[in-house]
N, C-alpha and C. Protein backbone atom coordinates (compact mmCIF):
# COMPACT_ATOMS: atom_id res chain seq x y z
N MET A 1 4.57 -5.51 -13.59
CA MET A 1 4.44 -4.99 -12.63
C MET A 1 2.92 -4.83 -11.73
N ALA A 2 2.48 -4.35 -12.61
CA ALA A 2 0.53 -4.07 -12.20
C ALA A 2 0.92 -5.62 -11.79
N PHE A 3 0.90 -6.19 -12.46
CA PHE A 3 0.57 -7.76 -12.47
C PHE A 3 0.82 -8.08 -11.29
N LEU A 4 1.94 -7.76 -10.45
CA LEU A 4 2.27 -8.21 -9.27
C LEU A 4 1.22 -8.18 -8.30
N LEU A 5 0.30 -7.22 -8.19
CA LEU A 5 -0.76 -6.77 -7.48
C LEU A 5 -2.15 -7.61 -7.97
N VAL A 6 -2.18 -7.78 -9.08
CA VAL A 6 -3.67 -8.50 -9.52
C VAL A 6 -3.49 -10.05 -9.18
N PHE A 7 -1.90 -10.50 -9.12
CA PHE A 7 -1.97 -11.82 -8.86
C PHE A 7 -2.06 -12.25 -7.03
N SER A 8 -1.00 -10.98 -6.48
CA SER A 8 -1.25 -11.07 -4.80
C SER A 8 -2.75 -10.83 -4.23
N LEU A 9 -3.17 -9.78 -4.63
CA LEU A 9 -4.49 -9.49 -3.88
C LEU A 9 -5.58 -10.76 -4.14
N PRO A 10 -5.73 -11.18 -4.99
CA PRO A 10 -7.02 -12.13 -5.31
C PRO A 10 -6.06 -13.75 -3.91
N ALA A 11 -4.73 -13.75 -4.06
CA ALA A 11 -4.18 -14.60 -3.43
C ALA A 11 -4.64 -14.39 -1.80
N LEU A 12 -4.76 -12.85 -1.77
CA LEU A 12 -4.66 -12.82 -0.50
C LEU A 12 -6.17 -13.31 0.63
N ALA A 13 -7.26 -13.26 -0.67
CA ALA A 13 -8.28 -13.39 -0.10
C ALA A 13 -8.46 -14.99 0.50
N GLN A 14 -7.62 -15.69 0.73
CA GLN A 14 -7.30 -17.19 1.06
C GLN A 14 -6.90 -17.00 2.38
N ASN A 15 -6.29 -15.61 2.83
CA ASN A 15 -5.96 -15.37 4.19
C ASN A 15 -6.45 -15.53 5.20
N PRO A 16 -5.87 -16.31 6.24
CA PRO A 16 -7.18 -15.92 7.76
C PRO A 16 -7.93 -14.97 7.73
N LYS A 17 -8.76 -14.90 8.83
CA LYS A 17 -10.06 -14.01 8.72
C LYS A 17 -8.93 -13.12 9.57
N LEU A 18 -9.80 -11.73 8.83
CA LEU A 18 -9.37 -10.25 9.28
C LEU A 18 -10.32 -9.58 10.25
N THR A 19 -9.25 -9.11 11.53
CA THR A 19 -10.51 -8.01 12.27
C THR A 19 -10.52 -6.76 11.65
N ASP A 20 -11.72 -5.76 12.08
CA ASP A 20 -11.99 -4.57 11.83
C ASP A 20 -10.56 -3.77 11.81
N PRO A 21 -10.17 -3.99 12.55
CA PRO A 21 -8.82 -3.16 12.77
C PRO A 21 -7.83 -3.41 11.97
N GLU A 22 -7.65 -4.69 11.50
CA GLU A 22 -6.97 -5.34 10.07
C GLU A 22 -7.40 -4.59 8.79
N ILE A 23 -8.68 -4.93 8.64
CA ILE A 23 -9.03 -4.49 7.34
C ILE A 23 -9.42 -3.02 7.31
N ALA A 24 -9.62 -2.04 8.53
CA ALA A 24 -9.27 -0.58 8.18
C ALA A 24 -7.37 -0.51 7.73
N SER A 25 -6.78 -1.09 8.30
CA SER A 25 -5.26 -1.06 8.09
C SER A 25 -5.12 -1.42 6.25
N VAL A 26 -5.79 -2.04 5.72
CA VAL A 26 -5.71 -2.83 4.59
C VAL A 26 -6.23 -1.50 3.75
N ALA A 27 -7.51 -0.96 4.02
CA ALA A 27 -8.31 -0.22 3.22
C ALA A 27 -7.44 1.24 3.24
N VAL A 28 -6.52 1.80 4.53
CA VAL A 28 -6.19 3.05 4.11
C VAL A 28 -5.04 2.78 3.13
N THR A 29 -3.99 1.31 3.66
CA THR A 29 -2.87 0.69 2.54
C THR A 29 -3.08 1.31 1.51
N ALA A 30 -4.16 0.66 1.08
CA ALA A 30 -4.50 0.48 -0.38
C ALA A 30 -4.88 1.58 -0.67
N ASN A 31 -5.66 2.62 -0.09
CA ASN A 31 -5.67 4.00 -1.02
C ASN A 31 -4.62 5.08 -0.90
N GLN A 32 -3.74 4.40 0.14
CA GLN A 32 -2.63 5.52 0.33
C GLN A 32 -1.67 4.73 -0.80
N ILE A 33 -1.66 3.53 -1.04
CA ILE A 33 -0.27 3.18 -2.62
C ILE A 33 -0.92 4.20 -3.63
N ASP A 34 -2.44 4.07 -3.90
CA ASP A 34 -2.62 4.58 -5.08
C ASP A 34 -2.47 6.13 -5.07
N ILE A 35 -2.45 6.89 -4.34
CA ILE A 35 -2.09 7.98 -3.94
C ILE A 35 -0.32 8.43 -4.59
N ASP A 36 0.33 7.53 -3.85
CA ASP A 36 1.66 7.41 -3.68
C ASP A 36 2.14 7.17 -5.56
N TYR A 37 1.02 6.39 -6.45
CA TYR A 37 1.54 6.47 -7.48
C TYR A 37 0.79 7.40 -8.44
N ALA A 38 -0.13 8.17 -8.02
CA ALA A 38 -0.55 9.39 -8.61
C ALA A 38 0.67 10.49 -8.61
N ALA A 39 1.60 10.54 -7.15
CA ALA A 39 2.55 11.63 -7.10
C ALA A 39 3.32 11.21 -7.86
N ILE A 40 3.54 9.92 -7.80
CA ILE A 40 4.71 9.39 -9.53
C ILE A 40 4.16 9.69 -11.07
N ALA A 41 3.19 9.60 -11.02
CA ALA A 41 2.33 10.52 -12.24
C ALA A 41 2.64 11.67 -12.56
N LYS A 42 2.03 12.38 -11.57
CA LYS A 42 2.18 13.98 -11.51
C LYS A 42 3.77 14.43 -11.35
N GLU A 43 4.63 13.90 -11.03
CA GLU A 43 5.75 14.07 -11.49
C GLU A 43 6.55 13.81 -12.76
N LYS A 44 6.42 13.04 -13.45
CA LYS A 44 6.86 12.17 -14.67
C LYS A 44 6.10 12.22 -15.80
N SER A 45 4.83 12.62 -15.76
CA SER A 45 3.98 12.69 -17.01
C SER A 45 3.84 13.99 -17.77
N LYS A 46 3.70 14.21 -18.96
CA LYS A 46 3.32 15.64 -19.34
C LYS A 46 1.87 15.08 -20.02
N ASN A 47 1.37 14.30 -20.30
CA ASN A 47 0.29 13.78 -20.81
C ASN A 47 -1.05 14.32 -20.22
N ALA A 48 -1.82 15.14 -20.24
CA ALA A 48 -3.09 15.49 -19.68
C ALA A 48 -3.73 14.94 -19.12
N GLU A 49 -3.90 13.83 -19.77
CA GLU A 49 -5.23 13.00 -19.60
C GLU A 49 -4.68 12.23 -17.89
N VAL A 50 -3.17 11.59 -18.21
CA VAL A 50 -2.79 11.08 -17.09
C VAL A 50 -2.88 11.73 -16.07
N LEU A 51 -2.32 13.29 -16.14
CA LEU A 51 -2.05 13.68 -14.98
C LEU A 51 -3.65 14.20 -14.38
N ARG A 52 -4.32 14.86 -15.17
CA ARG A 52 -6.32 14.79 -14.80
C ARG A 52 -6.78 13.32 -14.16
N PHE A 53 -6.06 12.31 -14.64
CA PHE A 53 -6.85 10.75 -13.80
C PHE A 53 -5.82 11.16 -12.26
N ALA A 54 -4.82 11.19 -13.06
CA ALA A 54 -3.79 11.35 -11.21
C ALA A 54 -4.14 12.24 -10.45
N GLU A 55 -4.67 13.51 -10.78
CA GLU A 55 -5.07 14.63 -9.52
C GLU A 55 -6.54 13.94 -9.15
N THR A 56 -7.33 13.20 -9.80
CA THR A 56 -8.69 12.82 -9.50
C THR A 56 -8.23 11.48 -8.35
N MET A 57 -7.04 10.34 -8.14
CA MET A 57 -6.74 9.72 -7.66
C MET A 57 -6.20 10.02 -6.36
N THR A 58 -5.54 11.50 -6.69
CA THR A 58 -4.95 11.93 -5.24
C THR A 58 -6.47 12.24 -4.64
N ASN A 59 -7.46 13.14 -5.25
CA ASN A 59 -8.26 13.70 -4.71
C ASN A 59 -9.29 12.77 -4.29
N ASP A 60 -10.01 12.13 -4.43
CA ASP A 60 -10.67 11.23 -4.18
C ASP A 60 -10.25 9.95 -3.29
N HIS A 61 -9.12 9.35 -3.26
CA HIS A 61 -8.41 8.51 -2.38
C HIS A 61 -8.20 9.15 -1.15
N LYS A 62 -7.54 10.99 -1.21
CA LYS A 62 -7.24 11.17 -0.07
C LYS A 62 -8.84 11.78 0.87
N ALA A 63 -9.98 11.58 -0.42
CA ALA A 63 -11.47 11.68 0.66
C ALA A 63 -11.68 10.38 1.67
N ILE A 64 -11.22 9.19 0.83
CA ILE A 64 -12.07 7.67 1.55
C ILE A 64 -11.05 7.57 2.47
N ILE A 65 -9.64 7.94 2.45
CA ILE A 65 -8.77 7.74 3.70
C ILE A 65 -9.13 8.83 4.94
N ALA A 66 -9.67 9.95 4.82
CA ALA A 66 -10.26 10.66 5.51
C ALA A 66 -11.47 10.08 5.90
N GLN A 67 -12.53 9.70 5.43
CA GLN A 67 -13.56 9.07 5.93
C GLN A 67 -13.15 7.86 6.94
N ALA A 68 -12.10 7.18 6.58
CA ALA A 68 -11.83 6.04 7.23
C ALA A 68 -11.49 6.12 8.86
N VAL A 69 -10.46 7.29 8.27
CA VAL A 69 -10.11 7.73 9.50
C VAL A 69 -11.07 8.32 10.50
N GLU A 70 -12.12 9.10 9.97
CA GLU A 70 -12.72 9.48 10.90
C GLU A 70 -14.10 8.63 11.61
N LEU A 71 -14.08 7.20 11.19
CA LEU A 71 -14.99 6.40 11.52
C LEU A 71 -13.95 5.90 12.37
N VAL A 72 -12.78 5.21 12.30
CA VAL A 72 -11.82 4.34 13.63
C VAL A 72 -12.07 5.36 14.52
N THR A 73 -11.67 6.57 14.23
CA THR A 73 -11.54 7.56 15.56
C THR A 73 -12.83 7.33 16.51
N LYS A 74 -14.33 7.39 15.53
CA LYS A 74 -15.15 7.60 16.17
C LYS A 74 -15.67 5.95 16.86
N LEU A 75 -15.34 5.31 16.12
CA LEU A 75 -15.25 3.70 16.85
C LEU A 75 -14.26 3.49 17.76
N LYS A 76 -13.18 4.16 18.40
CA LYS A 76 -12.40 4.15 18.83
C LYS A 76 -11.37 2.75 18.31
N VAL A 77 -11.57 2.89 17.10
CA VAL A 77 -10.52 1.61 16.60
C VAL A 77 -9.52 2.20 16.32
N THR A 78 -8.27 1.20 16.76
CA THR A 78 -7.09 1.62 16.01
C THR A 78 -6.86 0.50 14.94
N PRO A 79 -6.31 1.25 13.75
CA PRO A 79 -6.11 0.20 12.65
C PRO A 79 -4.58 -0.81 12.57
N LYS A 80 -4.52 -1.99 12.19
CA LYS A 80 -3.51 -2.78 12.74
C LYS A 80 -3.11 -3.57 11.72
N ASP A 81 -1.66 -3.41 11.36
CA ASP A 81 -1.18 -3.86 10.16
C ASP A 81 -1.22 -5.44 10.17
N ASN A 82 -1.33 -5.98 8.96
CA ASN A 82 -1.55 -7.66 9.05
C ASN A 82 -0.54 -7.77 7.90
N ALA A 83 -0.46 -8.83 7.83
CA ALA A 83 0.10 -9.85 6.41
C ALA A 83 -0.81 -9.10 5.11
N VAL A 84 -1.92 -8.83 5.17
CA VAL A 84 -2.58 -8.42 3.53
C VAL A 84 -2.05 -6.86 3.31
N SER A 85 -1.89 -6.01 4.56
CA SER A 85 -1.19 -4.77 4.28
C SER A 85 0.23 -4.67 3.95
N GLN A 86 0.88 -5.59 4.53
CA GLN A 86 2.32 -5.46 4.27
C GLN A 86 2.65 -6.12 2.96
N LYS A 87 1.60 -7.13 2.65
CA LYS A 87 1.83 -7.40 0.87
C LYS A 87 1.68 -6.57 0.00
N LEU A 88 0.58 -5.43 0.10
CA LEU A 88 0.03 -4.27 -0.19
C LEU A 88 1.29 -3.79 -0.62
N ASN A 89 1.85 -3.17 0.36
CA ASN A 89 2.85 -2.27 0.11
C ASN A 89 4.01 -2.71 -0.22
N ALA A 90 4.57 -4.21 0.03
CA ALA A 90 5.90 -4.83 -0.46
C ALA A 90 5.69 -4.98 -2.27
N ASP A 91 4.18 -5.01 -2.29
CA ASP A 91 4.34 -5.22 -4.10
C ASP A 91 3.98 -3.79 -4.57
N ALA A 92 3.77 -3.00 -4.15
CA ALA A 92 3.69 -1.32 -4.13
C ALA A 92 5.02 -0.76 -4.41
N ALA A 93 6.14 -1.27 -3.73
CA ALA A 93 7.48 -0.70 -3.71
C ALA A 93 8.13 -0.91 -4.99
N LEU A 94 7.57 -2.05 -5.42
CA LEU A 94 8.59 -2.93 -6.56
C LEU A 94 7.84 -2.23 -7.80
N THR A 95 6.50 -2.14 -7.96
CA THR A 95 5.63 -1.10 -8.67
C THR A 95 6.18 -0.07 -8.77
N LYS A 96 6.62 0.95 -8.03
CA LYS A 96 7.02 2.25 -7.99
C LYS A 96 8.35 2.34 -8.48
N LYS A 97 9.26 1.68 -7.98
CA LYS A 97 10.64 1.27 -8.80
C LYS A 97 10.39 1.18 -10.33
N ALA A 98 9.29 0.00 -10.91
CA ALA A 98 9.28 0.04 -12.21
C ALA A 98 9.01 1.33 -12.76
N LEU A 99 7.69 1.93 -12.46
CA LEU A 99 7.22 3.33 -12.75
C LEU A 99 8.48 4.40 -12.80
N LEU A 100 9.56 4.20 -11.61
CA LEU A 100 10.25 5.16 -11.56
C LEU A 100 11.28 5.35 -12.84
N LYS A 101 11.90 4.21 -13.22
CA LYS A 101 12.40 3.39 -14.35
C LYS A 101 12.08 4.03 -15.81
N LYS A 102 10.79 4.44 -15.82
CA LYS A 102 10.35 4.73 -17.06
C LYS A 102 9.97 6.29 -17.23
N SER A 103 9.86 6.61 -18.56
CA SER A 103 9.65 7.73 -19.18
C SER A 103 8.78 8.31 -20.08
N GLY A 104 8.06 9.18 -20.12
CA GLY A 104 7.51 10.04 -21.15
C GLY A 104 6.18 8.78 -21.68
N LYS A 105 6.22 8.28 -23.03
CA LYS A 105 5.19 7.67 -23.16
C LYS A 105 4.95 6.22 -22.63
N ALA A 106 6.25 5.63 -22.52
CA ALA A 106 6.33 4.31 -21.50
C ALA A 106 5.97 4.55 -20.58
N PHE A 107 6.04 5.20 -19.29
CA PHE A 107 6.06 5.87 -18.63
C PHE A 107 4.41 5.87 -17.91
N ASP A 108 3.54 6.72 -19.41
CA ASP A 108 2.05 7.05 -19.47
C ASP A 108 1.54 5.45 -19.25
N LYS A 109 1.82 5.02 -20.32
CA LYS A 109 1.23 3.96 -20.66
C LYS A 109 1.55 2.77 -19.21
N ALA A 110 2.66 2.70 -18.01
CA ALA A 110 2.78 2.16 -17.63
C ALA A 110 2.13 2.21 -16.34
N TYR A 111 1.69 3.74 -16.06
CA TYR A 111 0.71 4.00 -14.86
C TYR A 111 -0.56 3.74 -14.96
N ILE A 112 -1.05 4.24 -16.31
CA ILE A 112 -2.07 3.50 -17.03
C ILE A 112 -2.37 2.37 -16.87
N ASP A 113 -1.89 1.28 -17.35
CA ASP A 113 -2.28 -0.12 -16.95
C ASP A 113 -1.92 -0.39 -15.75
N ASN A 114 -1.18 0.09 -15.05
CA ASN A 114 -1.11 -0.24 -13.68
C ASN A 114 -2.08 -0.33 -13.07
N GLU A 115 -3.06 1.11 -13.29
CA GLU A 115 -4.24 1.75 -12.51
C GLU A 115 -5.00 0.76 -12.88
N VAL A 116 -5.24 0.48 -14.33
CA VAL A 116 -6.65 -0.58 -14.42
C VAL A 116 -6.14 -1.93 -13.78
N ALA A 117 -5.14 -2.40 -13.57
CA ALA A 117 -4.73 -3.82 -12.97
C ALA A 117 -4.87 -3.58 -11.45
N TYR A 118 -4.42 -2.25 -11.09
CA TYR A 118 -4.77 -2.22 -9.69
C TYR A 118 -6.25 -2.05 -9.17
N HIS A 119 -6.86 -1.43 -10.05
CA HIS A 119 -8.36 -1.04 -9.14
C HIS A 119 -8.95 -2.43 -9.36
N LYS A 120 -9.06 -2.90 -10.61
CA LYS A 120 -9.67 -4.11 -10.45
C LYS A 120 -8.97 -5.69 -9.27
N ALA A 121 -7.86 -5.37 -9.17
CA ALA A 121 -7.30 -6.12 -7.98
C ALA A 121 -7.99 -5.61 -6.57
N VAL A 122 -7.98 -4.46 -6.43
CA VAL A 122 -8.85 -3.75 -5.60
C VAL A 122 -10.11 -4.00 -5.10
N ILE A 123 -10.98 -3.50 -6.27
CA ILE A 123 -12.51 -3.82 -6.42
C ILE A 123 -12.61 -5.54 -6.01
N ALA A 124 -12.19 -6.51 -6.27
CA ALA A 124 -11.88 -7.74 -6.05
C ALA A 124 -11.70 -7.90 -4.42
N ALA A 125 -11.00 -7.33 -3.99
CA ALA A 125 -10.13 -7.34 -2.55
C ALA A 125 -11.36 -6.93 -2.13
N VAL A 126 -12.16 -5.68 -2.12
CA VAL A 126 -13.08 -5.04 -1.30
C VAL A 126 -14.32 -5.88 -1.14
N THR A 127 -14.28 -6.39 -2.39
CA THR A 127 -15.71 -6.82 -2.09
C THR A 127 -16.05 -8.26 -1.73
N GLY A 128 -14.41 -9.08 -2.30
CA GLY A 128 -14.28 -10.44 -1.91
C GLY A 128 -14.07 -10.66 -0.69
N LEU A 129 -13.17 -10.06 0.03
CA LEU A 129 -12.63 -10.13 0.90
C LEU A 129 -12.88 -8.90 2.47
N LEU A 130 -12.68 -7.63 2.16
CA LEU A 130 -13.11 -7.03 2.89
C LEU A 130 -14.14 -6.68 3.42
N ILE A 131 -15.19 -6.60 2.79
CA ILE A 131 -17.02 -6.40 3.15
C ILE A 131 -17.50 -7.63 3.47
N PRO A 132 -16.90 -8.60 3.01
CA PRO A 132 -17.61 -9.91 3.40
C PRO A 132 -17.02 -10.24 5.15
N GLU A 133 -15.77 -10.10 5.16
CA GLU A 133 -15.12 -10.23 6.78
C GLU A 133 -15.27 -9.06 7.78
N SER A 134 -15.80 -8.06 7.56
CA SER A 134 -16.34 -6.73 8.18
C SER A 134 -17.27 -7.04 9.72
N GLN A 135 -17.04 -6.83 9.93
CA GLN A 135 -17.82 -6.96 11.42
C GLN A 135 -18.84 -5.73 11.92
N ASN A 136 -18.08 -5.15 11.86
CA ASN A 136 -18.55 -3.71 12.43
C ASN A 136 -19.52 -3.21 10.87
N ALA A 137 -20.64 -2.68 11.24
CA ALA A 137 -22.14 -2.15 10.30
C ALA A 137 -21.48 -1.20 9.69
N GLU A 138 -20.95 -0.15 10.23
CA GLU A 138 -20.66 1.37 10.27
C GLU A 138 -19.40 0.97 8.68
N LEU A 139 -18.17 0.10 9.63
CA LEU A 139 -17.54 -0.20 8.29
C LEU A 139 -17.81 -0.79 7.00
N LYS A 140 -18.50 -1.70 7.56
CA LYS A 140 -18.79 -2.92 6.24
C LYS A 140 -19.69 -1.46 5.13
N ALA A 141 -20.85 -0.54 5.93
CA ALA A 141 -21.23 0.49 4.67
C ALA A 141 -20.68 1.30 4.54
N LEU A 142 -19.05 1.65 5.03
CA LEU A 142 -18.15 2.43 4.43
C LEU A 142 -17.90 1.82 2.98
N LEU A 143 -17.15 0.87 3.47
CA LEU A 143 -16.66 0.02 2.17
C LEU A 143 -17.67 -0.28 1.07
N GLN A 144 -18.66 -0.34 1.19
CA GLN A 144 -19.55 -0.85 0.32
C GLN A 144 -20.15 0.46 -0.29
N LYS A 145 -19.70 1.66 0.29
CA LYS A 145 -19.75 3.12 -0.33
C LYS A 145 -18.90 3.37 -1.43
N VAL A 146 -17.66 3.20 -0.90
CA VAL A 146 -16.22 3.42 -2.26
C VAL A 146 -16.48 2.42 -3.31
N VAL A 147 -16.82 0.96 -3.71
CA VAL A 147 -16.95 0.10 -4.49
C VAL A 147 -17.55 1.41 -5.54
N PRO A 148 -18.27 1.99 -5.83
CA PRO A 148 -19.03 2.72 -6.83
C PRO A 148 -17.59 3.27 -7.19
N ALA A 149 -17.14 4.17 -6.37
CA ALA A 149 -15.87 5.08 -6.88
C ALA A 149 -15.08 4.35 -7.42
N LEU A 150 -14.32 3.23 -6.69
CA LEU A 150 -13.50 2.48 -7.42
C LEU A 150 -14.02 2.04 -8.70
N ASN A 151 -14.93 1.67 -9.38
CA ASN A 151 -15.82 1.28 -10.13
C ASN A 151 -15.67 2.47 -11.42
N ALA A 152 -15.71 3.70 -10.74
CA ALA A 152 -15.53 4.84 -11.52
C ALA A 152 -14.01 4.84 -11.78
N HIS A 153 -13.31 5.01 -11.14
CA HIS A 153 -11.85 5.01 -11.47
C HIS A 153 -11.32 3.80 -12.20
N LEU A 154 -11.90 2.87 -12.24
CA LEU A 154 -11.59 1.60 -13.42
C LEU A 154 -12.24 2.20 -14.50
N ALA A 155 -12.94 3.05 -14.77
CA ALA A 155 -13.55 3.34 -16.28
C ALA A 155 -13.19 4.18 -16.47
N HIS A 156 -12.61 5.05 -15.68
CA HIS A 156 -11.73 6.19 -16.38
C HIS A 156 -10.23 6.37 -16.66
N ALA A 157 -9.88 4.77 -15.58
CA ALA A 157 -8.26 4.41 -15.73
C ALA A 157 -8.54 3.69 -17.49
N GLU A 158 -9.95 2.75 -17.71
CA GLU A 158 -9.89 2.32 -19.04
C GLU A 158 -9.92 2.78 -20.33
N MET A 159 -10.60 4.59 -19.85
CA MET A 159 -10.88 5.51 -21.22
C MET A 159 -9.62 5.54 -21.66
N VAL A 160 -8.32 6.23 -20.44
CA VAL A 160 -7.09 7.05 -20.68
C VAL A 160 -6.59 5.58 -21.08
N GLN A 161 -6.79 4.35 -20.94
CA GLN A 161 -5.67 3.44 -21.25
C GLN A 161 -5.90 3.14 -22.78
N LYS A 162 -7.10 3.44 -23.56
CA LYS A 162 -7.75 3.10 -24.83
C LYS A 162 -6.49 3.88 -25.58
N ASP A 163 -6.26 5.31 -25.24
CA ASP A 163 -5.43 6.33 -26.07
C ASP A 163 -3.71 5.64 -26.41
N PHE A 164 -3.71 4.66 -25.46
CA PHE A 164 -2.41 4.08 -25.45
C PHE A 164 -2.04 2.43 -26.16
N LYS A 165 -3.30 1.92 -26.79
CA LYS A 165 -3.07 0.69 -26.99
C LYS A 165 -2.83 0.69 -28.65
């Protein structure tokens, strides 16, 4: 499940050049997907650490989306759907379906394993594709600004994941 994204995001780096409106779409899509995963966790999990992590994902990724919306509004740019954001959504739909089939500790482990894999893949895509492709300095700066938060999310997910080994 999580591995769909791990394999698909790096492959997306081989896509043709992305425009800034397409990059904005990918950024918002990736953040919204993690909010959606967190919503499933908040509905299904009873584990305090998993719930705390899911709440952090919801709050942090909503804040990143708000910053992105503020920037594209200021720049008068409309995010443009593209093959990368479509692939993210298609893979996320499969992951959500798999998560919804699980319960209890199996769900918690699957959710946190997915979060570790997803954050690794997103960090690779942001640093290897979105930042290098960004033409607008403010968009590039926003993407660079979120990398430390993504790294912190990954470290947090890996810490929670240790409880499920």
